[in-house]
Amino acid sequence: MRTIDKTYSDPLDLVWIHAAGRMGMRVERSDQVNASWNGRDVLTIGTPETLDRDDSLAQMVLHEVCHALCEGPESVQRPDWGLESFDPSQKFHEHACLRVQAALADRYGLRSFFASTTMFRPYYDRLPADPLEGGDEKTMALVRPAWQRANHGPWAEPLDDALRRTAVIAQTLSGLTPKDSLWHGQGTMVDRS
């Protein structure tokens, strides 16, 4: 019998677990939730078998970070960023999160890679080329400060680093992926300056 002293870890998971740690979040996996924040330090993400086939830990972490950015710094102290179970009159919170998510992903040509896989996917797919423009007033009231926090707040550097590293992985896979792979055609950097 040989001794096994190493384990395989998915590179993309490592990138986003590290980024979450730099933002003060410990990522745990559970088959009891899709995603949940405990209001202190634990971000629980569903296990692979409980998520959709086109979900990844990276996409789930980015989505939750975008919720926190949209809800503001005080939301970090509230379970699930202070968001209650879904109320249709509050869908602008999800719309704001998705706009910030798309804008961040766009920096590295990863919008479809980081797409929402929930019932809000049609909204995400209809976002304009500049997702920071054109939303309704309630949505944009959350988007504007969230975008500032995403670029200038304490999470800006680890977030951008994780997105950049994801793009590097995508570029490494260029030309190797089948058309039905989520990685296929991803990672073309976009200059938004």
N, C-alpha and C. Protein backbone atom coordinates (compact mmCIF):
# COMPACT_ATOMS: atom_id res chain seq x y z
N MET A 1 0.84 -1.19 0.00
CA MET A 1 0.00 0.00 0.00
C MET A 1 0.88 1.25 0.00
N ARG A 2 0.51 2.18 -0.82
CA ARG A 2 1.26 3.44 -0.83
C ARG A 2 0.59 4.45 0.08
N THR A 3 1.36 5.37 0.58
CA THR A 3 0.84 6.45 1.40
C THR A 3 0.46 7.60 0.50
N ILE A 4 -0.76 8.09 0.64
CA ILE A 4 -1.22 9.24 -0.16
C ILE A 4 -1.17 10.47 0.75
N ASP A 5 -0.29 11.39 0.40
CA ASP A 5 -0.15 12.58 1.23
C ASP A 5 -0.49 13.86 0.49
N LYS A 6 -1.04 13.73 -0.71
CA LYS A 6 -1.47 14.89 -1.50
C LYS A 6 -2.88 14.63 -2.02
N THR A 7 -3.61 15.70 -2.25
CA THR A 7 -4.94 15.58 -2.86
C THR A 7 -5.03 16.54 -4.03
N TYR A 8 -5.85 16.20 -4.99
CA TYR A 8 -6.08 17.08 -6.13
C TYR A 8 -7.08 18.15 -5.74
N SER A 9 -6.84 19.39 -6.16
CA SER A 9 -7.78 20.49 -5.98
C SER A 9 -7.96 21.17 -7.32
N ASP A 10 -9.19 21.52 -7.62
CA ASP A 10 -9.48 22.22 -8.86
C ASP A 10 -8.80 23.60 -8.83
N PRO A 11 -8.01 23.95 -9.85
CA PRO A 11 -7.32 25.24 -9.84
C PRO A 11 -8.25 26.45 -9.71
N LEU A 12 -9.38 26.41 -10.40
CA LEU A 12 -10.32 27.54 -10.31
C LEU A 12 -10.89 27.66 -8.90
N ASP A 13 -11.20 26.54 -8.27
CA ASP A 13 -11.67 26.58 -6.88
C ASP A 13 -10.61 27.21 -5.99
N LEU A 14 -9.35 26.83 -6.19
CA LEU A 14 -8.27 27.39 -5.37
C LEU A 14 -8.17 28.90 -5.52
N VAL A 15 -8.32 29.39 -6.75
CA VAL A 15 -8.26 30.83 -7.01
C VAL A 15 -9.35 31.55 -6.21
N TRP A 16 -10.58 31.05 -6.28
CA TRP A 16 -11.71 31.76 -5.67
C TRP A 16 -11.81 31.52 -4.17
N ILE A 17 -11.35 30.38 -3.68
CA ILE A 17 -11.29 30.17 -2.23
C ILE A 17 -10.25 31.11 -1.63
N HIS A 18 -9.12 31.26 -2.32
CA HIS A 18 -8.08 32.20 -1.86
C HIS A 18 -8.61 33.64 -1.87
N ALA A 19 -9.28 34.03 -2.94
CA ALA A 19 -9.84 35.39 -3.03
C ALA A 19 -10.85 35.63 -1.91
N ALA A 20 -11.73 34.66 -1.70
CA ALA A 20 -12.72 34.80 -0.62
C ALA A 20 -12.02 34.97 0.72
N GLY A 21 -10.97 34.19 0.95
CA GLY A 21 -10.22 34.31 2.19
C GLY A 21 -9.62 35.69 2.37
N ARG A 22 -9.13 36.26 1.29
CA ARG A 22 -8.57 37.62 1.35
C ARG A 22 -9.65 38.65 1.65
N MET A 23 -10.91 38.30 1.36
CA MET A 23 -12.03 39.20 1.65
C MET A 23 -12.69 38.87 2.99
N GLY A 24 -12.07 37.97 3.76
CA GLY A 24 -12.58 37.64 5.09
C GLY A 24 -13.65 36.57 5.11
N MET A 25 -13.72 35.77 4.05
CA MET A 25 -14.74 34.72 3.97
C MET A 25 -14.07 33.35 3.91
N ARG A 26 -14.52 32.45 4.74
CA ARG A 26 -14.10 31.06 4.65
C ARG A 26 -15.17 30.32 3.85
N VAL A 27 -14.79 29.68 2.78
CA VAL A 27 -15.75 28.96 1.94
C VAL A 27 -15.90 27.53 2.44
N GLU A 28 -17.14 27.15 2.66
CA GLU A 28 -17.47 25.77 3.00
C GLU A 28 -18.48 25.27 1.99
N ARG A 29 -18.56 23.96 1.84
CA ARG A 29 -19.51 23.34 0.90
C ARG A 29 -20.55 22.56 1.70
N SER A 30 -21.80 22.60 1.23
CA SER A 30 -22.88 21.86 1.89
C SER A 30 -23.96 21.53 0.87
N ASP A 31 -24.53 20.36 1.00
CA ASP A 31 -25.65 20.00 0.13
C ASP A 31 -26.98 20.53 0.67
N GLN A 32 -26.92 21.34 1.71
CA GLN A 32 -28.13 21.89 2.33
C GLN A 32 -28.50 23.28 1.82
N VAL A 33 -27.62 23.91 1.07
CA VAL A 33 -27.87 25.28 0.59
C VAL A 33 -27.42 25.43 -0.85
N ASN A 34 -27.91 26.46 -1.49
CA ASN A 34 -27.37 26.89 -2.78
C ASN A 34 -26.18 27.80 -2.48
N ALA A 35 -26.45 28.85 -1.71
CA ALA A 35 -25.40 29.75 -1.22
C ALA A 35 -25.96 30.45 0.02
N SER A 36 -25.11 30.63 1.02
CA SER A 36 -25.55 31.29 2.24
C SER A 36 -24.36 31.93 2.95
N TRP A 37 -24.56 33.13 3.44
CA TRP A 37 -23.55 33.86 4.21
C TRP A 37 -24.03 33.89 5.66
N ASN A 38 -23.17 33.57 6.62
CA ASN A 38 -23.59 33.49 8.02
C ASN A 38 -23.56 34.83 8.75
N GLY A 39 -23.15 35.90 8.09
CA GLY A 39 -23.10 37.21 8.75
C GLY A 39 -21.84 37.45 9.55
N ARG A 40 -20.89 36.54 9.45
CA ARG A 40 -19.63 36.69 10.18
C ARG A 40 -18.43 36.39 9.29
N ASP A 41 -18.27 35.10 8.94
CA ASP A 41 -17.05 34.74 8.24
C ASP A 41 -17.17 33.50 7.34
N VAL A 42 -18.35 32.89 7.26
CA VAL A 42 -18.49 31.66 6.48
C VAL A 42 -19.46 31.86 5.32
N LEU A 43 -18.96 31.60 4.13
CA LEU A 43 -19.78 31.59 2.92
C LEU A 43 -19.95 30.12 2.54
N THR A 44 -21.17 29.63 2.63
CA THR A 44 -21.45 28.24 2.32
C THR A 44 -22.02 28.16 0.91
N ILE A 45 -21.40 27.32 0.11
CA ILE A 45 -21.80 27.12 -1.28
C ILE A 45 -22.24 25.67 -1.44
N GLY A 46 -23.28 25.45 -2.22
CA GLY A 46 -23.75 24.10 -2.47
C GLY A 46 -22.66 23.20 -3.03
N THR A 47 -22.82 21.92 -2.82
CA THR A 47 -21.87 20.95 -3.36
C THR A 47 -22.13 20.79 -4.86
N PRO A 48 -21.15 20.34 -5.61
CA PRO A 48 -21.32 20.24 -7.06
C PRO A 48 -22.59 19.50 -7.49
N GLU A 49 -22.94 18.43 -6.79
CA GLU A 49 -24.12 17.68 -7.21
C GLU A 49 -25.44 18.40 -6.92
N THR A 50 -25.42 19.44 -6.10
CA THR A 50 -26.65 20.19 -5.81
C THR A 50 -26.80 21.42 -6.69
N LEU A 51 -25.74 21.78 -7.41
CA LEU A 51 -25.77 22.96 -8.27
C LEU A 51 -26.06 22.56 -9.71
N ASP A 52 -26.40 23.54 -10.53
CA ASP A 52 -26.61 23.29 -11.95
C ASP A 52 -25.28 22.90 -12.60
N ARG A 53 -25.34 22.18 -13.71
CA ARG A 53 -24.12 21.72 -14.39
C ARG A 53 -23.24 22.87 -14.87
N ASP A 54 -23.83 24.05 -15.09
CA ASP A 54 -23.03 25.19 -15.54
C ASP A 54 -22.67 26.15 -14.41
N ASP A 55 -22.87 25.72 -13.16
CA ASP A 55 -22.41 26.50 -12.01
C ASP A 55 -20.99 26.08 -11.67
N SER A 56 -20.26 26.99 -11.07
CA SER A 56 -18.96 26.65 -10.52
C SER A 56 -18.84 27.36 -9.18
N LEU A 57 -17.92 26.89 -8.37
CA LEU A 57 -17.67 27.57 -7.11
C LEU A 57 -17.30 29.03 -7.37
N ALA A 58 -16.51 29.26 -8.42
CA ALA A 58 -16.09 30.62 -8.77
C ALA A 58 -17.30 31.51 -9.06
N GLN A 59 -18.21 31.01 -9.88
CA GLN A 59 -19.40 31.80 -10.24
C GLN A 59 -20.24 32.09 -9.00
N MET A 60 -20.36 31.11 -8.14
CA MET A 60 -21.17 31.28 -6.92
C MET A 60 -20.53 32.29 -5.97
N VAL A 61 -19.20 32.21 -5.80
CA VAL A 61 -18.52 33.16 -4.93
C VAL A 61 -18.64 34.57 -5.51
N LEU A 62 -18.39 34.74 -6.80
CA LEU A 62 -18.50 36.06 -7.40
C LEU A 62 -19.91 36.62 -7.22
N HIS A 63 -20.91 35.81 -7.42
CA HIS A 63 -22.29 36.27 -7.28
C HIS A 63 -22.56 36.76 -5.85
N GLU A 64 -22.11 36.00 -4.87
CA GLU A 64 -22.33 36.40 -3.47
C GLU A 64 -21.55 37.66 -3.12
N VAL A 65 -20.34 37.78 -3.63
CA VAL A 65 -19.56 39.00 -3.40
C VAL A 65 -20.28 40.20 -4.01
N CYS A 66 -20.86 40.03 -5.19
CA CYS A 66 -21.60 41.12 -5.83
C CYS A 66 -22.83 41.51 -5.01
N HIS A 67 -23.50 40.53 -4.39
CA HIS A 67 -24.60 40.87 -3.49
C HIS A 67 -24.09 41.73 -2.34
N ALA A 68 -22.98 41.34 -1.75
CA ALA A 68 -22.42 42.11 -0.63
C ALA A 68 -22.05 43.52 -1.08
N LEU A 69 -21.44 43.64 -2.26
CA LEU A 69 -21.07 44.96 -2.78
C LEU A 69 -22.32 45.83 -2.98
N CYS A 70 -23.38 45.24 -3.48
CA CYS A 70 -24.61 46.00 -3.73
C CYS A 70 -25.33 46.39 -2.44
N GLU A 71 -25.27 45.53 -1.45
CA GLU A 71 -26.00 45.80 -0.20
C GLU A 71 -25.21 46.69 0.75
N GLY A 72 -23.93 46.88 0.49
CA GLY A 72 -23.13 47.81 1.28
C GLY A 72 -22.35 47.15 2.39
N PRO A 73 -21.35 47.88 2.93
CA PRO A 73 -20.45 47.32 3.94
C PRO A 73 -21.16 46.76 5.17
N GLU A 74 -22.25 47.37 5.56
CA GLU A 74 -22.98 46.89 6.74
C GLU A 74 -23.61 45.52 6.52
N SER A 75 -23.80 45.13 5.27
CA SER A 75 -24.44 43.83 4.97
C SER A 75 -23.56 42.65 5.36
N VAL A 76 -22.26 42.88 5.50
CA VAL A 76 -21.34 41.80 5.84
C VAL A 76 -21.66 41.25 7.23
N GLN A 77 -22.28 42.05 8.06
CA GLN A 77 -22.63 41.63 9.42
C GLN A 77 -24.01 40.99 9.50
N ARG A 78 -24.68 40.82 8.37
CA ARG A 78 -26.04 40.26 8.36
C ARG A 78 -26.06 38.94 7.60
N PRO A 79 -26.78 37.96 8.13
CA PRO A 79 -26.92 36.71 7.37
C PRO A 79 -27.48 36.99 5.97
N ASP A 80 -26.90 36.32 5.00
CA ASP A 80 -27.31 36.46 3.60
C ASP A 80 -27.39 37.92 3.15
N TRP A 81 -26.44 38.70 3.64
CA TRP A 81 -26.25 40.10 3.26
C TRP A 81 -27.48 40.95 3.57
N GLY A 82 -28.35 40.46 4.48
CA GLY A 82 -29.56 41.20 4.84
C GLY A 82 -30.71 40.98 3.87
N LEU A 83 -30.51 40.12 2.89
CA LEU A 83 -31.57 39.84 1.91
C LEU A 83 -32.47 38.74 2.45
N GLU A 84 -33.75 38.97 2.39
CA GLU A 84 -34.72 37.97 2.84
C GLU A 84 -34.98 36.98 1.72
N SER A 85 -35.74 35.95 2.01
CA SER A 85 -36.11 35.02 0.93
C SER A 85 -36.79 35.82 -0.17
N PHE A 86 -36.75 35.29 -1.36
CA PHE A 86 -37.14 36.08 -2.52
C PHE A 86 -38.54 36.67 -2.44
N ASP A 87 -38.60 37.97 -2.61
CA ASP A 87 -39.85 38.73 -2.68
C ASP A 87 -39.83 39.42 -4.04
N PRO A 88 -40.80 39.13 -4.92
CA PRO A 88 -40.77 39.72 -6.27
C PRO A 88 -40.63 41.24 -6.30
N SER A 89 -41.13 41.92 -5.27
CA SER A 89 -41.02 43.38 -5.26
C SER A 89 -39.59 43.84 -4.99
N GLN A 90 -38.74 42.92 -4.57
CA GLN A 90 -37.35 43.24 -4.26
C GLN A 90 -36.37 42.73 -5.31
N LYS A 91 -36.86 42.37 -6.49
CA LYS A 91 -35.99 41.78 -7.51
C LYS A 91 -34.92 42.76 -7.99
N PHE A 92 -35.09 44.05 -7.72
CA PHE A 92 -34.06 45.00 -8.13
C PHE A 92 -32.73 44.72 -7.42
N HIS A 93 -32.77 44.09 -6.25
CA HIS A 93 -31.52 43.71 -5.57
C HIS A 93 -30.75 42.68 -6.42
N GLU A 94 -31.48 41.71 -6.95
CA GLU A 94 -30.85 40.70 -7.80
C GLU A 94 -30.39 41.32 -9.11
N HIS A 95 -31.19 42.21 -9.67
CA HIS A 95 -30.81 42.88 -10.93
C HIS A 95 -29.53 43.68 -10.74
N ALA A 96 -29.41 44.39 -9.62
CA ALA A 96 -28.20 45.17 -9.35
C ALA A 96 -26.99 44.24 -9.24
N CYS A 97 -27.14 43.16 -8.50
CA CYS A 97 -26.06 42.19 -8.34
C CYS A 97 -25.59 41.68 -9.70
N LEU A 98 -26.54 41.33 -10.56
CA LEU A 98 -26.19 40.78 -11.87
C LEU A 98 -25.51 41.80 -12.76
N ARG A 99 -25.90 43.07 -12.65
CA ARG A 99 -25.24 44.10 -13.45
C ARG A 99 -23.78 44.27 -13.02
N VAL A 100 -23.53 44.28 -11.73
CA VAL A 100 -22.16 44.40 -11.23
C VAL A 100 -21.36 43.15 -11.61
N GLN A 101 -21.97 41.99 -11.48
CA GLN A 101 -21.33 40.73 -11.85
C GLN A 101 -20.91 40.74 -13.32
N ALA A 102 -21.82 41.16 -14.19
CA ALA A 102 -21.51 41.20 -15.63
C ALA A 102 -20.40 42.21 -15.92
N ALA A 103 -20.47 43.38 -15.29
CA ALA A 103 -19.44 44.40 -15.54
C ALA A 103 -18.07 43.93 -15.09
N LEU A 104 -18.00 43.26 -13.94
CA LEU A 104 -16.71 42.73 -13.48
C LEU A 104 -16.20 41.64 -14.42
N ALA A 105 -17.07 40.73 -14.80
CA ALA A 105 -16.68 39.65 -15.69
C ALA A 105 -16.25 40.17 -17.06
N ASP A 106 -16.91 41.23 -17.52
CA ASP A 106 -16.59 41.81 -18.83
C ASP A 106 -15.14 42.27 -18.93
N ARG A 107 -14.56 42.67 -17.83
CA ARG A 107 -13.17 43.14 -17.86
C ARG A 107 -12.23 42.10 -18.47
N TYR A 108 -12.59 40.84 -18.30
CA TYR A 108 -11.73 39.75 -18.76
C TYR A 108 -12.42 38.85 -19.78
N GLY A 109 -13.47 39.35 -20.41
CA GLY A 109 -14.16 38.57 -21.43
C GLY A 109 -14.82 37.31 -20.89
N LEU A 110 -15.32 37.38 -19.65
CA LEU A 110 -15.87 36.21 -18.98
C LEU A 110 -17.35 36.34 -18.64
N ARG A 111 -18.07 37.20 -19.34
CA ARG A 111 -19.48 37.42 -18.98
C ARG A 111 -20.28 36.12 -19.03
N SER A 112 -20.18 35.38 -20.10
CA SER A 112 -20.99 34.15 -20.17
C SER A 112 -20.48 33.09 -19.20
N PHE A 113 -19.20 33.06 -18.91
CA PHE A 113 -18.66 32.11 -17.95
C PHE A 113 -19.25 32.34 -16.56
N PHE A 114 -19.40 33.61 -16.19
CA PHE A 114 -19.90 33.96 -14.87
C PHE A 114 -21.39 34.28 -14.86
N ALA A 115 -22.12 33.81 -15.85
CA ALA A 115 -23.55 34.10 -15.96
C ALA A 115 -24.34 33.49 -14.81
N SER A 116 -25.40 34.17 -14.47
CA SER A 116 -26.35 33.65 -13.50
C SER A 116 -27.01 32.40 -14.08
N THR A 117 -27.22 31.41 -13.24
CA THR A 117 -27.88 30.19 -13.72
C THR A 117 -29.25 30.02 -13.06
N THR A 118 -29.72 31.04 -12.41
CA THR A 118 -31.02 30.98 -11.74
C THR A 118 -32.12 31.43 -12.69
N MET A 119 -33.30 31.66 -12.13
CA MET A 119 -34.43 32.14 -12.93
C MET A 119 -34.16 33.54 -13.48
N PHE A 120 -33.07 34.18 -13.01
CA PHE A 120 -32.71 35.51 -13.50
C PHE A 120 -31.79 35.46 -14.72
N ARG A 121 -31.51 34.27 -15.24
CA ARG A 121 -30.63 34.17 -16.41
C ARG A 121 -31.15 34.98 -17.60
N PRO A 122 -32.46 34.97 -17.90
CA PRO A 122 -32.92 35.80 -19.02
C PRO A 122 -32.61 37.29 -18.83
N TYR A 123 -32.72 37.78 -17.60
CA TYR A 123 -32.38 39.17 -17.33
C TYR A 123 -30.89 39.40 -17.62
N TYR A 124 -30.05 38.52 -17.11
CA TYR A 124 -28.60 38.63 -17.30
C TYR A 124 -28.26 38.60 -18.79
N ASP A 125 -28.87 37.70 -19.52
CA ASP A 125 -28.59 37.57 -20.95
C ASP A 125 -29.02 38.80 -21.76
N ARG A 126 -29.98 39.56 -21.25
CA ARG A 126 -30.45 40.76 -21.95
C ARG A 126 -29.71 42.04 -21.54
N LEU A 127 -28.78 41.92 -20.62
CA LEU A 127 -28.05 43.13 -20.20
C LEU A 127 -27.34 43.74 -21.40
N PRO A 128 -27.28 45.08 -21.43
CA PRO A 128 -26.61 45.74 -22.56
C PRO A 128 -25.09 45.56 -22.50
N ALA A 129 -24.42 45.97 -23.55
CA ALA A 129 -22.96 45.87 -23.61
C ALA A 129 -22.32 46.54 -22.39
N ASP A 130 -22.88 47.65 -21.95
CA ASP A 130 -22.42 48.29 -20.72
C ASP A 130 -23.49 48.05 -19.65
N PRO A 131 -23.32 47.04 -18.80
CA PRO A 131 -24.34 46.71 -17.82
C PRO A 131 -24.48 47.74 -16.71
N LEU A 132 -23.60 48.74 -16.70
CA LEU A 132 -23.69 49.80 -15.69
C LEU A 132 -24.58 50.94 -16.14
N GLU A 133 -25.18 50.80 -17.29
CA GLU A 133 -26.07 51.82 -17.84
C GLU A 133 -27.44 51.23 -18.15
N GLY A 134 -28.47 52.08 -18.08
CA GLY A 134 -29.79 51.72 -18.59
C GLY A 134 -30.73 51.01 -17.65
N GLY A 135 -30.36 50.76 -16.43
CA GLY A 135 -31.26 50.07 -15.51
C GLY A 135 -32.28 51.02 -14.90
N ASP A 136 -33.27 50.43 -14.25
CA ASP A 136 -34.27 51.27 -13.57
C ASP A 136 -33.64 51.96 -12.37
N GLU A 137 -34.32 52.97 -11.87
CA GLU A 137 -33.76 53.82 -10.82
C GLU A 137 -33.38 53.06 -9.56
N LYS A 138 -34.24 52.16 -9.08
CA LYS A 138 -33.94 51.41 -7.85
C LYS A 138 -32.70 50.53 -8.05
N THR A 139 -32.62 49.88 -9.19
CA THR A 139 -31.47 49.01 -9.47
C THR A 139 -30.19 49.82 -9.52
N MET A 140 -30.22 50.91 -10.27
CA MET A 140 -29.01 51.71 -10.45
C MET A 140 -28.58 52.40 -9.17
N ALA A 141 -29.50 52.65 -8.27
CA ALA A 141 -29.15 53.24 -6.97
C ALA A 141 -28.27 52.28 -6.16
N LEU A 142 -28.40 50.99 -6.41
CA LEU A 142 -27.52 50.00 -5.77
C LEU A 142 -26.25 49.77 -6.58
N VAL A 143 -26.37 49.82 -7.90
CA VAL A 143 -25.24 49.53 -8.78
C VAL A 143 -24.11 50.55 -8.63
N ARG A 144 -24.45 51.82 -8.64
CA ARG A 144 -23.41 52.87 -8.64
C ARG A 144 -22.45 52.76 -7.45
N PRO A 145 -22.96 52.72 -6.21
CA PRO A 145 -22.01 52.59 -5.09
C PRO A 145 -21.33 51.22 -5.06
N ALA A 146 -22.03 50.19 -5.51
CA ALA A 146 -21.41 48.86 -5.55
C ALA A 146 -20.21 48.85 -6.50
N TRP A 147 -20.37 49.53 -7.63
CA TRP A 147 -19.27 49.58 -8.60
C TRP A 147 -18.07 50.33 -8.01
N GLN A 148 -18.33 51.38 -7.28
CA GLN A 148 -17.24 52.09 -6.61
C GLN A 148 -16.54 51.19 -5.60
N ARG A 149 -17.32 50.47 -4.80
CA ARG A 149 -16.73 49.55 -3.82
C ARG A 149 -15.93 48.45 -4.52
N ALA A 150 -16.43 47.96 -5.65
CA ALA A 150 -15.76 46.88 -6.38
C ALA A 150 -14.40 47.33 -6.92
N ASN A 151 -14.26 48.61 -7.17
CA ASN A 151 -13.03 49.14 -7.76
C ASN A 151 -12.11 49.84 -6.77
N HIS A 152 -12.66 50.31 -5.66
CA HIS A 152 -11.85 51.11 -4.74
C HIS A 152 -11.94 50.66 -3.30
N GLY A 153 -12.77 49.69 -3.02
CA GLY A 153 -12.93 49.20 -1.65
C GLY A 153 -11.90 48.15 -1.29
N PRO A 154 -11.97 47.62 -0.09
CA PRO A 154 -10.98 46.64 0.38
C PRO A 154 -11.01 45.32 -0.39
N TRP A 155 -12.09 45.04 -1.10
CA TRP A 155 -12.18 43.79 -1.86
C TRP A 155 -11.73 43.97 -3.31
N ALA A 156 -11.43 45.17 -3.73
CA ALA A 156 -11.11 45.44 -5.14
C ALA A 156 -9.93 44.61 -5.64
N GLU A 157 -8.85 44.59 -4.91
CA GLU A 157 -7.65 43.90 -5.38
C GLU A 157 -7.83 42.38 -5.41
N PRO A 158 -8.34 41.75 -4.34
CA PRO A 158 -8.52 40.30 -4.43
C PRO A 158 -9.55 39.89 -5.48
N LEU A 159 -10.55 40.71 -5.69
CA LEU A 159 -11.57 40.41 -6.70
C LEU A 159 -10.98 40.49 -8.10
N ASP A 160 -10.24 41.55 -8.38
CA ASP A 160 -9.64 41.68 -9.70
C ASP A 160 -8.58 40.59 -9.93
N ASP A 161 -7.83 40.25 -8.90
CA ASP A 161 -6.83 39.19 -9.02
C ASP A 161 -7.49 37.86 -9.37
N ALA A 162 -8.60 37.54 -8.72
CA ALA A 162 -9.29 36.27 -9.00
C ALA A 162 -9.86 36.27 -10.43
N LEU A 163 -10.39 37.38 -10.87
CA LEU A 163 -10.91 37.46 -12.24
C LEU A 163 -9.77 37.32 -13.26
N ARG A 164 -8.66 37.98 -12.99
CA ARG A 164 -7.50 37.89 -13.89
C ARG A 164 -6.98 36.46 -13.95
N ARG A 165 -6.87 35.81 -12.81
CA ARG A 165 -6.39 34.43 -12.78
C ARG A 165 -7.37 33.49 -13.51
N THR A 166 -8.65 33.76 -13.40
CA THR A 166 -9.65 32.96 -14.12
C THR A 166 -9.45 33.12 -15.62
N ALA A 167 -9.19 34.36 -16.05
CA ALA A 167 -8.96 34.61 -17.48
C ALA A 167 -7.69 33.89 -17.96
N VAL A 168 -6.67 33.83 -17.12
CA VAL A 168 -5.44 33.11 -17.49
C VAL A 168 -5.74 31.63 -17.69
N ILE A 169 -6.54 31.05 -16.80
CA ILE A 169 -6.92 29.64 -16.97
C ILE A 169 -7.71 29.48 -18.26
N ALA A 170 -8.65 30.39 -18.52
CA ALA A 170 -9.45 30.32 -19.75
C ALA A 170 -8.56 30.40 -20.98
N GLN A 171 -7.59 31.30 -20.97
CA GLN A 171 -6.69 31.44 -22.12
C GLN A 171 -5.82 30.20 -22.29
N THR A 172 -5.43 29.58 -21.19
CA THR A 172 -4.65 28.35 -21.25
C THR A 172 -5.45 27.23 -21.94
N LEU A 173 -6.75 27.24 -21.75
CA LEU A 173 -7.61 26.20 -22.32
C LEU A 173 -8.07 26.51 -23.74
N SER A 174 -7.74 27.69 -24.23
CA SER A 174 -8.18 28.09 -25.56
C SER A 174 -7.74 27.07 -26.61
N GLY A 175 -8.69 26.65 -27.43
CA GLY A 175 -8.42 25.68 -28.48
C GLY A 175 -8.48 24.23 -28.03
N LEU A 176 -8.69 24.00 -26.74
CA LEU A 176 -8.73 22.63 -26.22
C LEU A 176 -10.13 22.17 -25.83
N THR A 177 -11.06 23.10 -25.72
CA THR A 177 -12.36 22.76 -25.15
C THR A 177 -13.40 22.42 -26.21
N PRO A 178 -14.28 21.46 -25.90
CA PRO A 178 -15.39 21.20 -26.82
C PRO A 178 -16.38 22.36 -26.76
N LYS A 179 -17.20 22.49 -27.78
CA LYS A 179 -18.14 23.61 -27.86
C LYS A 179 -19.13 23.65 -26.71
N ASP A 180 -19.43 22.51 -26.09
CA ASP A 180 -20.39 22.51 -24.98
C ASP A 180 -19.74 22.76 -23.62
N SER A 181 -18.44 23.06 -23.62
CA SER A 181 -17.74 23.38 -22.38
C SER A 181 -18.00 24.83 -22.00
N LEU A 182 -18.20 25.07 -20.72
CA LEU A 182 -18.37 26.44 -20.23
C LEU A 182 -17.13 27.28 -20.52
N TRP A 183 -15.98 26.65 -20.63
CA TRP A 183 -14.72 27.35 -20.91
C TRP A 183 -14.60 27.76 -22.38
N HIS A 184 -15.37 27.16 -23.26
CA HIS A 184 -15.20 27.38 -24.69
C HIS A 184 -15.40 28.85 -25.06
N GLY A 185 -14.39 29.45 -25.69
CA GLY A 185 -14.47 30.84 -26.16
C GLY A 185 -14.39 31.89 -25.08
N GLN A 186 -13.89 31.53 -23.90
CA GLN A 186 -13.82 32.47 -22.79
C GLN A 186 -12.43 33.09 -22.67
N GLY A 187 -12.39 34.21 -21.98
CA GLY A 187 -11.12 34.79 -21.57
C GLY A 187 -10.47 35.75 -22.52
N THR A 188 -11.26 36.43 -23.34
CA THR A 188 -10.71 37.47 -24.19
C THR A 188 -10.80 38.78 -23.42
N MET A 189 -9.66 39.34 -23.07
CA MET A 189 -9.65 40.55 -22.25
C MET A 189 -10.28 41.71 -23.00
N VAL A 190 -11.04 42.51 -22.25
CA VAL A 190 -11.73 43.65 -22.81
C VAL A 190 -11.17 44.91 -22.16
N ASP A 191 -10.79 45.88 -22.96
CA ASP A 191 -10.29 47.14 -22.43
C ASP A 191 -11.44 48.11 -22.27
N ARG A 192 -11.79 48.43 -21.03
CA ARG A 192 -12.90 49.36 -20.76
C ARG A 192 -12.38 50.71 -20.29
N SER A 193 -11.10 51.00 -20.53
CA SER A 193 -10.59 52.29 -20.06
C SER A 193 -10.97 53.42 -20.98
